[in-house]
Amino acid sequence: MTPERRAAQLLDSWTRLCQGHLAIGSGCSCGAGVSVRVGDFELDLLRYLQGKFGSSAAVLAAGSIAELLAALERPQTADRPDARALLDSLAASIASFEQAHGG
């Protein structure tokens, strides 16, 4: 699969996930379950990616995960040597959210 196509698929997944919530602490004995929006983790995920791929212009310029993935859909960005590794990291993070979301 091309990096552009993979970025498009991840953008679809991220957009869908941001419409939902994650249950946190619902399995603990205190009974204090909390629900948070997946989008609330976006800044943390961007900071992680900036730390790991700080030399990537796409990561440095992105103000959101959607902006980053949209940039990675463009051939001039997707052809960069670090694009595949960046997409791998994003895919792993999004998969983790999907698993926590039950989806």
PDB file of N, CA and C in Angstrom:
ATOM      1  N   MET A   1       0.847  -1.173   0.000  1.00  0.00           N
ATOM      2  CA  MET A   1       0.000   0.000   0.000  1.00  0.00           C
ATOM      3  C   MET A   1       0.899   1.245   0.000  1.00  0.00           C
ATOM      4  N   THR A   2       0.520   2.217  -0.769  1.00  0.00           N
ATOM      5  CA  THR A   2       1.319   3.441  -0.842  1.00  0.00           C
ATOM      6  C   THR A   2       1.175   4.232   0.457  1.00  0.00           C
ATOM      7  N   PRO A   3       2.177   5.025   0.804  1.00  0.00           N
ATOM      8  CA  PRO A   3       2.065   5.863   1.999  1.00  0.00           C
ATOM      9  C   PRO A   3       0.868   6.817   1.931  1.00  0.00           C
ATOM     10  N   GLU A   4       0.580   7.329   0.740  1.00  0.00           N
ATOM     11  CA  GLU A   4      -0.553   8.240   0.584  1.00  0.00           C
ATOM     12  C   GLU A   4      -1.869   7.548   0.938  1.00  0.00           C
ATOM     13  N   ARG A   5      -2.034   6.329   0.438  1.00  0.00           N
ATOM     14  CA  ARG A   5      -3.266   5.561   0.713  1.00  0.00           C
ATOM     15  C   ARG A   5      -3.350   5.186   2.195  1.00  0.00           C
ATOM     16  N   ARG A   6      -2.226   4.807   2.761  1.00  0.00           N
ATOM     17  CA  ARG A   6      -2.212   4.446   4.184  1.00  0.00           C
ATOM     18  C   ARG A   6      -2.566   5.652   5.047  1.00  0.00           C
ATOM     19  N   ALA A   7      -2.033   6.821   4.691  1.00  0.00           N
ATOM     20  CA  ALA A   7      -2.358   8.051   5.425  1.00  0.00           C
ATOM     21  C   ALA A   7      -3.844   8.342   5.337  1.00  0.00           C
ATOM     22  N   ALA A   8      -4.433   8.137   4.169  1.00  0.00           N
ATOM     23  CA  ALA A   8      -5.871   8.377   3.991  1.00  0.00           C
ATOM     24  C   ALA A   8      -6.685   7.430   4.872  1.00  0.00           C
ATOM     25  N   GLN A   9      -6.295   6.172   4.931  1.00  0.00           N
ATOM     26  CA  GLN A   9      -7.008   5.205   5.771  1.00  0.00           C
ATOM     27  C   GLN A   9      -6.865   5.548   7.254  1.00  0.00           C
ATOM     28  N   LEU A  10      -5.675   5.948   7.654  1.00  0.00           N
ATOM     29  CA  LEU A  10      -5.468   6.321   9.054  1.00  0.00           C
ATOM     30  C   LEU A  10      -6.246   7.587   9.401  1.00  0.00           C
ATOM     31  N   LEU A  11      -6.350   8.516   8.465  1.00  0.00           N
ATOM     32  CA  LEU A  11      -7.137   9.721   8.697  1.00  0.00           C
ATOM     33  C   LEU A  11      -8.600   9.365   8.900  1.00  0.00           C
ATOM     34  N   ASP A  12      -9.123   8.444   8.106  1.00  0.00           N
ATOM     35  CA  ASP A  12     -10.501   7.981   8.298  1.00  0.00           C
ATOM     36  C   ASP A  12     -10.685   7.366   9.681  1.00  0.00           C
ATOM     37  N   SER A  13      -9.750   6.524  10.082  1.00  0.00           N
ATOM     38  CA  SER A  13      -9.824   5.883  11.398  1.00  0.00           C
ATOM     39  C   SER A  13      -9.752   6.913  12.522  1.00  0.00           C
ATOM     40  N   TRP A  14      -8.821   7.864  12.411  1.00  0.00           N
ATOM     41  CA  TRP A  14      -8.657   8.885  13.448  1.00  0.00           C
ATOM     42  C   TRP A  14      -9.914   9.749  13.554  1.00  0.00           C
ATOM     43  N   THR A  15     -10.471  10.140  12.425  1.00  0.00           N
ATOM     44  CA  THR A  15     -11.679  10.966  12.420  1.00  0.00           C
ATOM     45  C   THR A  15     -12.826  10.229  13.099  1.00  0.00           C
ATOM     46  N   ARG A  16     -12.979   8.957  12.791  1.00  0.00           N
ATOM     47  CA  ARG A  16     -14.034   8.155  13.416  1.00  0.00           C
ATOM     48  C   ARG A  16     -13.798   8.015  14.926  1.00  0.00           C
ATOM     49  N   LEU A  17     -12.556   7.755  15.320  1.00  0.00           N
ATOM     50  CA  LEU A  17     -12.234   7.602  16.740  1.00  0.00           C
ATOM     51  C   LEU A  17     -12.487   8.881  17.528  1.00  0.00           C
ATOM     52  N   CYS A  18     -12.197  10.027  16.928  1.00  0.00           N
ATOM     53  CA  CYS A  18     -12.362  11.305  17.633  1.00  0.00           C
ATOM     54  C   CYS A  18     -13.818  11.625  17.928  1.00  0.00           C
ATOM     55  N   GLN A  19     -14.713  10.915  17.315  1.00  0.00           N
ATOM     56  CA  GLN A  19     -16.132  11.106  17.579  1.00  0.00           C
ATOM     57  C   GLN A  19     -16.599  10.296  18.785  1.00  0.00           C
ATOM     58  N   GLY A  20     -15.712   9.447  19.312  1.00  0.00           N
ATOM     59  CA  GLY A  20     -16.086   8.572  20.410  1.00  0.00           C
ATOM     60  C   GLY A  20     -15.374   8.899  21.704  1.00  0.00           C
ATOM     61  N   HIS A  21     -15.606   8.066  22.692  1.00  0.00           N
ATOM     62  CA  HIS A  21     -15.040   8.224  24.025  1.00  0.00           C
ATOM     63  C   HIS A  21     -14.369   6.936  24.448  1.00  0.00           C
ATOM     64  N   LEU A  22     -13.468   7.044  25.425  1.00  0.00           N
ATOM     65  CA  LEU A  22     -12.831   5.890  26.044  1.00  0.00           C
ATOM     66  C   LEU A  22     -13.272   5.819  27.494  1.00  0.00           C
ATOM     67  N   ALA A  23     -13.619   4.639  27.945  1.00  0.00           N
ATOM     68  CA  ALA A  23     -13.943   4.441  29.350  1.00  0.00           C
ATOM     69  C   ALA A  23     -12.650   4.159  30.102  1.00  0.00           C
ATOM     70  N   ILE A  24     -12.397   4.925  31.141  1.00  0.00           N
ATOM     71  CA  ILE A  24     -11.183   4.759  31.937  1.00  0.00           C
ATOM     72  C   ILE A  24     -11.582   4.441  33.373  1.00  0.00           C
ATOM     73  N   GLY A  25     -10.999   3.412  33.916  1.00  0.00           N
ATOM     74  CA  GLY A  25     -11.251   3.060  35.302  1.00  0.00           C
ATOM     75  C   GLY A  25     -12.566   2.339  35.538  1.00  0.00           C
ATOM     76  N   SER A  26     -13.229   1.933  34.474  1.00  0.00           N
ATOM     77  CA  SER A  26     -14.528   1.291  34.662  1.00  0.00           C
ATOM     78  C   SER A  26     -14.408  -0.108  35.249  1.00  0.00           C
ATOM     79  N   GLY A  27     -13.221  -0.682  35.212  1.00  0.00           N
ATOM     80  CA  GLY A  27     -13.038  -2.019  35.749  1.00  0.00           C
ATOM     81  C   GLY A  27     -12.416  -2.040  37.135  1.00  0.00           C
ATOM     82  N   CYS A  28     -12.193  -0.869  37.718  1.00  0.00           N
ATOM     83  CA  CYS A  28     -11.553  -0.865  39.032  1.00  0.00           C
ATOM     84  C   CYS A  28     -12.602  -0.998  40.135  1.00  0.00           C
ATOM     85  N   SER A  29     -12.151  -1.382  41.299  1.00  0.00           N
ATOM     86  CA  SER A  29     -13.076  -1.624  42.405  1.00  0.00           C
ATOM     87  C   SER A  29     -13.638  -0.351  43.019  1.00  0.00           C
ATOM     88  N   CYS A  30     -13.055   0.813  42.701  1.00  0.00           N
ATOM     89  CA  CYS A  30     -13.568   2.059  43.280  1.00  0.00           C
ATOM     90  C   CYS A  30     -14.887   2.481  42.646  1.00  0.00           C
ATOM     91  N   GLY A  31     -15.169   1.931  41.462  1.00  0.00           N
ATOM     92  CA  GLY A  31     -16.431   2.239  40.802  1.00  0.00           C
ATOM     93  C   GLY A  31     -16.488   3.623  40.183  1.00  0.00           C
ATOM     94  N   ALA A  32     -15.355   4.298  40.111  1.00  0.00           N
ATOM     95  CA  ALA A  32     -15.334   5.661  39.578  1.00  0.00           C
ATOM     96  C   ALA A  32     -14.913   5.652  38.123  1.00  0.00           C
ATOM     97  N   GLY A  33     -15.757   5.115  37.259  1.00  0.00           N
ATOM     98  CA  GLY A  33     -15.445   5.090  35.842  1.00  0.00           C
ATOM     99  C   GLY A  33     -15.557   6.480  35.238  1.00  0.00           C
ATOM    100  N   VAL A  34     -14.642   6.791  34.350  1.00  0.00           N
ATOM    101  CA  VAL A  34     -14.607   8.096  33.701  1.00  0.00           C
ATOM    102  C   VAL A  34     -14.567   7.864  32.193  1.00  0.00           C
ATOM    103  N   SER A  35     -15.198   8.739  31.458  1.00  0.00           N
ATOM    104  CA  SER A  35     -15.178   8.663  30.008  1.00  0.00           C
ATOM    105  C   SER A  35     -14.511   9.921  29.467  1.00  0.00           C
ATOM    106  N   VAL A  36     -13.529   9.749  28.573  1.00  0.00           N
ATOM    107  CA  VAL A  36     -12.834  10.883  27.960  1.00  0.00           C
ATOM    108  C   VAL A  36     -12.893  10.745  26.450  1.00  0.00           C
ATOM    109  N   ARG A  37     -12.829  11.863  25.772  1.00  0.00           N
ATOM    110  CA  ARG A  37     -12.818  11.862  24.311  1.00  0.00           C
ATOM    111  C   ARG A  37     -11.444  11.416  23.813  1.00  0.00           C
ATOM    112  N   VAL A  38     -11.424  10.647  22.756  1.00  0.00           N
ATOM    113  CA  VAL A  38     -10.165  10.222  22.157  1.00  0.00           C
ATOM    114  C   VAL A  38      -9.368  11.451  21.724  1.00  0.00           C
ATOM    115  N   GLY A  39     -10.041  12.453  21.197  1.00  0.00           N
ATOM    116  CA  GLY A  39      -9.377  13.674  20.762  1.00  0.00           C
ATOM    117  C   GLY A  39      -8.629  14.388  21.871  1.00  0.00           C
ATOM    118  N   ASP A  40      -8.987  14.104  23.127  1.00  0.00           N
ATOM    119  CA  ASP A  40      -8.285  14.716  24.256  1.00  0.00           C
ATOM    120  C   ASP A  40      -6.825  14.256  24.340  1.00  0.00           C
ATOM    121  N   PHE A  41      -6.504  13.166  23.681  1.00  0.00           N
ATOM    122  CA  PHE A  41      -5.138  12.644  23.682  1.00  0.00           C
ATOM    123  C   PHE A  41      -4.317  13.160  22.492  1.00  0.00           C
ATOM    124  N   GLU A  42      -4.936  13.956  21.638  1.00  0.00           N
ATOM    125  CA  GLU A  42      -4.285  14.380  20.404  1.00  0.00           C
ATOM    126  C   GLU A  42      -3.000  15.160  20.648  1.00  0.00           C
ATOM    127  N   LEU A  43      -3.020  16.104  21.550  1.00  0.00           N
ATOM    128  CA  LEU A  43      -1.829  16.905  21.819  1.00  0.00           C
ATOM    129  C   LEU A  43      -0.692  16.030  22.349  1.00  0.00           C
ATOM    130  N   ASP A  44      -1.021  15.076  23.212  1.00  0.00           N
ATOM    131  CA  ASP A  44      -0.002  14.156  23.720  1.00  0.00           C
ATOM    132  C   ASP A  44       0.603  13.323  22.590  1.00  0.00           C
ATOM    133  N   LEU A  45      -0.237  12.865  21.689  1.00  0.00           N
ATOM    134  CA  LEU A  45       0.248  12.069  20.564  1.00  0.00           C
ATOM    135  C   LEU A  45       1.128  12.921  19.642  1.00  0.00           C
ATOM    136  N   LEU A  46       0.719  14.143  19.380  1.00  0.00           N
ATOM    137  CA  LEU A  46       1.544  15.040  18.556  1.00  0.00           C
ATOM    138  C   LEU A  46       2.899  15.311  19.207  1.00  0.00           C
ATOM    139  N   ARG A  47       2.898  15.547  20.508  1.00  0.00           N
ATOM    140  CA  ARG A  47       4.167  15.789  21.213  1.00  0.00           C
ATOM    141  C   ARG A  47       5.078  14.568  21.139  1.00  0.00           C
ATOM    142  N   TYR A  48       4.495  13.388  21.288  1.00  0.00           N
ATOM    143  CA  TYR A  48       5.269  12.153  21.163  1.00  0.00           C
ATOM    144  C   TYR A  48       5.906  12.067  19.777  1.00  0.00           C
ATOM    145  N   LEU A  49       5.108  12.316  18.750  1.00  0.00           N
ATOM    146  CA  LEU A  49       5.611  12.240  17.377  1.00  0.00           C
ATOM    147  C   LEU A  49       6.657  13.313  17.109  1.00  0.00           C
ATOM    148  N   GLN A  50       6.475  14.497  17.672  1.00  0.00           N
ATOM    149  CA  GLN A  50       7.463  15.561  17.509  1.00  0.00           C
ATOM    150  C   GLN A  50       8.782  15.173  18.176  1.00  0.00           C
ATOM    151  N   GLY A  51       8.705  14.497  19.306  1.00  0.00           N
ATOM    152  CA  GLY A  51       9.924  14.030  19.971  1.00  0.00           C
ATOM    153  C   GLY A  51      10.618  12.932  19.181  1.00  0.00           C
ATOM    154  N   LYS A  52       9.848  12.064  18.589  1.00  0.00           N
ATOM    155  CA  LYS A  52      10.411  10.928  17.857  1.00  0.00           C
ATOM    156  C   LYS A  52      10.829  11.296  16.437  1.00  0.00           C
ATOM    157  N   PHE A  53      10.072  12.188  15.793  1.00  0.00           N
ATOM    158  CA  PHE A  53      10.317  12.539  14.397  1.00  0.00           C
ATOM    159  C   PHE A  53      10.476  14.052  14.232  1.00  0.00           C
ATOM    160  N   GLY A  54      11.112  14.685  15.176  1.00  0.00           N
ATOM    161  CA  GLY A  54      11.236  16.140  15.183  1.00  0.00           C
ATOM    162  C   GLY A  54      11.852  16.738  13.942  1.00  0.00           C
ATOM    163  N   SER A  55      12.628  15.961  13.216  1.00  0.00           N
ATOM    164  CA  SER A  55      13.247  16.495  12.007  1.00  0.00           C
ATOM    165  C   SER A  55      12.296  16.494  10.818  1.00  0.00           C
ATOM    166  N   SER A  56      11.144  15.868  10.969  1.00  0.00           N
ATOM    167  CA  SER A  56      10.178  15.812   9.874  1.00  0.00           C
ATOM    168  C   SER A  56       9.398  17.122   9.798  1.00  0.00           C
ATOM    169  N   ALA A  57       9.445  17.754   8.644  1.00  0.00           N
ATOM    170  CA  ALA A  57       8.733  19.020   8.449  1.00  0.00           C
ATOM    171  C   ALA A  57       7.232  18.832   8.631  1.00  0.00           C
ATOM    172  N   ALA A  58       6.707  17.682   8.222  1.00  0.00           N
ATOM    173  CA  ALA A  58       5.269  17.430   8.360  1.00  0.00           C
ATOM    174  C   ALA A  58       4.854  17.415   9.824  1.00  0.00           C
ATOM    175  N   VAL A  59       5.660  16.813  10.674  1.00  0.00           N
ATOM    176  CA  VAL A  59       5.336  16.743  12.102  1.00  0.00           C
ATOM    177  C   VAL A  59       5.457  18.122  12.739  1.00  0.00           C
ATOM    178  N   LEU A  60       6.501  18.834  12.397  1.00  0.00           N
ATOM    179  CA  LEU A  60       6.718  20.148  13.007  1.00  0.00           C
ATOM    180  C   LEU A  60       5.640  21.140  12.606  1.00  0.00           C
ATOM    181  N   ALA A  61       5.118  21.029  11.401  1.00  0.00           N
ATOM    182  CA  ALA A  61       4.111  21.976  10.915  1.00  0.00           C
ATOM    183  C   ALA A  61       2.696  21.604  11.330  1.00  0.00           C
ATOM    184  N   ALA A  62       2.491  20.377  11.758  1.00  0.00           N
ATOM    185  CA  ALA A  62       1.130  19.906  12.057  1.00  0.00           C
ATOM    186  C   ALA A  62       0.612  20.488  13.362  1.00  0.00           C
ATOM    187  N   GLY A  63      -0.623  20.953  13.314  1.00  0.00           N
ATOM    188  CA  GLY A  63      -1.300  21.421  14.513  1.00  0.00           C
ATOM    189  C   GLY A  63      -2.290  20.398  15.031  1.00  0.00           C
ATOM    190  N   SER A  64      -2.470  19.324  14.264  1.00  0.00           N
ATOM    191  CA  SER A  64      -3.389  18.258  14.666  1.00  0.00           C
ATOM    192  C   SER A  64      -2.990  16.969  13.942  1.00  0.00           C
ATOM    193  N   ILE A  65      -3.509  15.869  14.418  1.00  0.00           N
ATOM    194  CA  ILE A  65      -3.257  14.584  13.769  1.00  0.00           C
ATOM    195  C   ILE A  65      -3.873  14.594  12.373  1.00  0.00           C
ATOM    196  N   ALA A  66      -5.046  15.187  12.236  1.00  0.00           N
ATOM    197  CA  ALA A  66      -5.693  15.267  10.923  1.00  0.00           C
ATOM    198  C   ALA A  66      -4.823  16.052   9.938  1.00  0.00           C
ATOM    199  N   GLU A  67      -4.229  17.158  10.382  1.00  0.00           N
ATOM    200  CA  GLU A  67      -3.339  17.937   9.506  1.00  0.00           C
ATOM    201  C   GLU A  67      -2.115  17.126   9.116  1.00  0.00           C
ATOM    202  N   LEU A  68      -1.563  16.401  10.055  1.00  0.00           N
ATOM    203  CA  LEU A  68      -0.384  15.578   9.785  1.00  0.00           C
ATOM    204  C   LEU A  68      -0.709  14.500   8.758  1.00  0.00           C
ATOM    205  N   LEU A  69      -1.825  13.809   8.960  1.00  0.00           N
ATOM    206  CA  LEU A  69      -2.195  12.751   8.027  1.00  0.00           C
ATOM    207  C   LEU A  69      -2.555  13.323   6.656  1.00  0.00           C
ATOM    208  N   ALA A  70      -3.184  14.491   6.634  1.00  0.00           N
ATOM    209  CA  ALA A  70      -3.481  15.136   5.350  1.00  0.00           C
ATOM    210  C   ALA A  70      -2.187  15.476   4.618  1.00  0.00           C
ATOM    211  N   ALA A  71      -1.177  15.933   5.351  1.00  0.00           N
ATOM    212  CA  ALA A  71       0.117  16.227   4.736  1.00  0.00           C
ATOM    213  C   ALA A  71       0.756  14.949   4.188  1.00  0.00           C
ATOM    214  N   LEU A  72       0.593  13.858   4.908  1.00  0.00           N
ATOM    215  CA  LEU A  72       1.179  12.589   4.477  1.00  0.00           C
ATOM    216  C   LEU A  72       0.428  11.970   3.302  1.00  0.00           C
ATOM    217  N   GLU A  73      -0.743  12.497   2.991  1.00  0.00           N
ATOM    218  CA  GLU A  73      -1.467  12.047   1.803  1.00  0.00           C
ATOM    219  C   GLU A  73      -0.887  12.664   0.529  1.00  0.00           C
ATOM    220  N   ARG A  74      -0.139  13.744   0.680  1.00  0.00           N
ATOM    221  CA  ARG A  74       0.457  14.416  -0.482  1.00  0.00           C
ATOM    222  C   ARG A  74       1.753  13.706  -0.865  1.00  0.00           C
ATOM    223  N   PRO A  75       1.931  13.426  -2.160  1.00  0.00           N
ATOM    224  CA  PRO A  75       3.124  12.679  -2.607  1.00  0.00           C
ATOM    225  C   PRO A  75       4.448  13.304  -2.180  1.00  0.00           C
ATOM    226  N   GLN A  76       4.564  14.611  -2.191  1.00  0.00           N
ATOM    227  CA  GLN A  76       5.844  15.238  -1.838  1.00  0.00           C
ATOM    228  C   GLN A  76       6.207  14.982  -0.374  1.00  0.00           C
ATOM    229  N   THR A  77       5.220  14.803   0.493  1.00  0.00           N
ATOM    230  CA  THR A  77       5.485  14.490   1.895  1.00  0.00           C
ATOM    231  C   THR A  77       5.608  12.989   2.089  1.00  0.00           C
ATOM    232  N   ALA A  78       4.749  12.231   1.438  1.00  0.00           N
ATOM    233  CA  ALA A  78       4.748  10.776   1.590  1.00  0.00           C
ATOM    234  C   ALA A  78       6.026  10.138   1.060  1.00  0.00           C
ATOM    235  N   ASP A  79       6.708  10.807   0.153  1.00  0.00           N
ATOM    236  CA  ASP A  79       7.941  10.264  -0.414  1.00  0.00           C
ATOM    237  C   ASP A  79       9.159  10.487   0.473  1.00  0.00           C
ATOM    238  N   ARG A  80       9.014  11.228   1.552  1.00  0.00           N
ATOM    239  CA  ARG A  80      10.145  11.468   2.456  1.00  0.00           C
ATOM    240  C   ARG A  80      10.572  10.137   3.093  1.00  0.00           C
ATOM    241  N   PRO A  81      11.856   9.981   3.359  1.00  0.00           N
ATOM    242  CA  PRO A  81      12.341   8.715   3.922  1.00  0.00           C
ATOM    243  C   PRO A  81      11.705   8.337   5.264  1.00  0.00           C
ATOM    244  N   ASP A  82      11.327   9.325   6.074  1.00  0.00           N
ATOM    245  CA  ASP A  82      10.769   9.016   7.389  1.00  0.00           C
ATOM    246  C   ASP A  82       9.251   8.830   7.372  1.00  0.00           C
ATOM    247  N   ALA A  83       8.617   8.969   6.212  1.00  0.00           N
ATOM    248  CA  ALA A  83       7.150   8.892   6.141  1.00  0.00           C
ATOM    249  C   ALA A  83       6.623   7.527   6.578  1.00  0.00           C
ATOM    250  N   ARG A  84       7.254   6.468   6.129  1.00  0.00           N
ATOM    251  CA  ARG A  84       6.761   5.124   6.483  1.00  0.00           C
ATOM    252  C   ARG A  84       6.887   4.860   7.987  1.00  0.00           C
ATOM    253  N   ALA A  85       7.999   5.265   8.579  1.00  0.00           N
ATOM    254  CA  ALA A  85       8.172   5.076  10.024  1.00  0.00           C
ATOM    255  C   ALA A  85       7.162   5.921  10.797  1.00  0.00           C
ATOM    256  N   LEU A  86       6.908   7.115  10.331  1.00  0.00           N
ATOM    257  CA  LEU A  86       5.913   7.986  10.960  1.00  0.00           C
ATOM    258  C   LEU A  86       4.530   7.372  10.852  1.00  0.00           C
ATOM    259  N   LEU A  87       4.187   6.857   9.694  1.00  0.00           N
ATOM    260  CA  LEU A  87       2.895   6.189   9.517  1.00  0.00           C
ATOM    261  C   LEU A  87       2.793   4.937  10.377  1.00  0.00           C
ATOM    262  N   ASP A  88       3.903   4.201  10.526  1.00  0.00           N
ATOM    263  CA  ASP A  88       3.901   3.018  11.400  1.00  0.00           C
ATOM    264  C   ASP A  88       3.589   3.416  12.844  1.00  0.00           C
ATOM    265  N   SER A  89       4.202   4.499  13.315  1.00  0.00           N
ATOM    266  CA  SER A  89       3.945   4.960  14.685  1.00  0.00           C
ATOM    267  C   SER A  89       2.504   5.420  14.858  1.00  0.00           C
ATOM    268  N   LEU A  90       2.011   6.152  13.880  1.00  0.00           N
ATOM    269  CA  LEU A  90       0.619   6.599  13.945  1.00  0.00           C
ATOM    270  C   LEU A  90      -0.342   5.415  13.894  1.00  0.00           C
ATOM    271  N   ALA A  91      -0.051   4.453  13.037  1.00  0.00           N
ATOM    272  CA  ALA A  91      -0.912   3.272  12.924  1.00  0.00           C
ATOM    273  C   ALA A  91      -0.968   2.510  14.243  1.00  0.00           C
ATOM    274  N   ALA A  92       0.166   2.369  14.905  1.00  0.00           N
ATOM    275  CA  ALA A  92       0.201   1.664  16.191  1.00  0.00           C
ATOM    276  C   ALA A  92      -0.603   2.419  17.248  1.00  0.00           C
ATOM    277  N   SER A  93      -0.478   3.732  17.280  1.00  0.00           N
ATOM    278  CA  SER A  93      -1.225   4.526  18.253  1.00  0.00           C
ATOM    279  C   SER A  93      -2.718   4.469  17.992  1.00  0.00           C
ATOM    280  N   ILE A  94      -3.090   4.611  16.727  1.00  0.00           N
ATOM    281  CA  ILE A  94      -4.515   4.566  16.369  1.00  0.00           C
ATOM    282  C   ILE A  94      -5.091   3.186  16.660  1.00  0.00           C
ATOM    283  N   ALA A  95      -4.339   2.130  16.375  1.00  0.00           N
ATOM    284  CA  ALA A  95      -4.796   0.777  16.680  1.00  0.00           C
ATOM    285  C   ALA A  95      -5.001   0.600  18.184  1.00  0.00           C
ATOM    286  N   SER A  96      -4.131   1.193  18.977  1.00  0.00           N
ATOM    287  CA  SER A  96      -4.275   1.110  20.425  1.00  0.00           C
ATOM    288  C   SER A  96      -5.568   1.792  20.882  1.00  0.00           C
ATOM    289  N   PHE A  97      -5.842   2.958  20.331  1.00  0.00           N
ATOM    290  CA  PHE A  97      -7.102   3.647  20.661  1.00  0.00           C
ATOM    291  C   PHE A  97      -8.311   2.830  20.197  1.00  0.00           C
ATOM    292  N   GLU A  98      -8.213   2.232  19.011  1.00  0.00           N
ATOM    293  CA  GLU A  98      -9.319   1.415  18.507  1.00  0.00           C
ATOM    294  C   GLU A  98      -9.574   0.222  19.421  1.00  0.00           C
ATOM    295  N   GLN A  99      -8.505  -0.375  19.907  1.00  0.00           N
ATOM    296  CA  GLN A  99      -8.658  -1.514  20.808  1.00  0.00           C
ATOM    297  C   GLN A  99      -9.292  -1.077  22.131  1.00  0.00           C
ATOM    298  N   ALA A 100      -8.851   0.043  22.655  1.00  0.00           N
ATOM    299  CA  ALA A 100      -9.424   0.553  23.914  1.00  0.00           C
ATOM    300  C   ALA A 100     -10.863   0.980  23.732  1.00  0.00           C
ATOM    301  N   HIS A 101     -11.187   1.427  22.531  1.00  0.00           N
ATOM    302  CA  HIS A 101     -12.535   1.901  22.228  1.00  0.00           C
ATOM    303  C   HIS A 101     -13.474   0.743  21.932  1.00  0.00           C
ATOM    304  N   GLY A 102     -12.875  -0.428  21.767  1.00  0.00           N
ATOM    305  CA  GLY A 102     -13.682  -1.603  21.487  1.00  0.00           C
ATOM    306  C   GLY A 102     -14.029  -1.740  20.018  1.00  0.00           C
ATOM    307  N   GLY A 103     -13.260  -1.031  19.192  1.00  0.00           N
ATOM    308  CA  GLY A 103     -13.615  -1.034  17.787  1.00  0.00           C
ATOM    309  C   GLY A 103     -12.642  -1.611  16.891  1.00  0.00           C
TER     310      GLY A 103
END
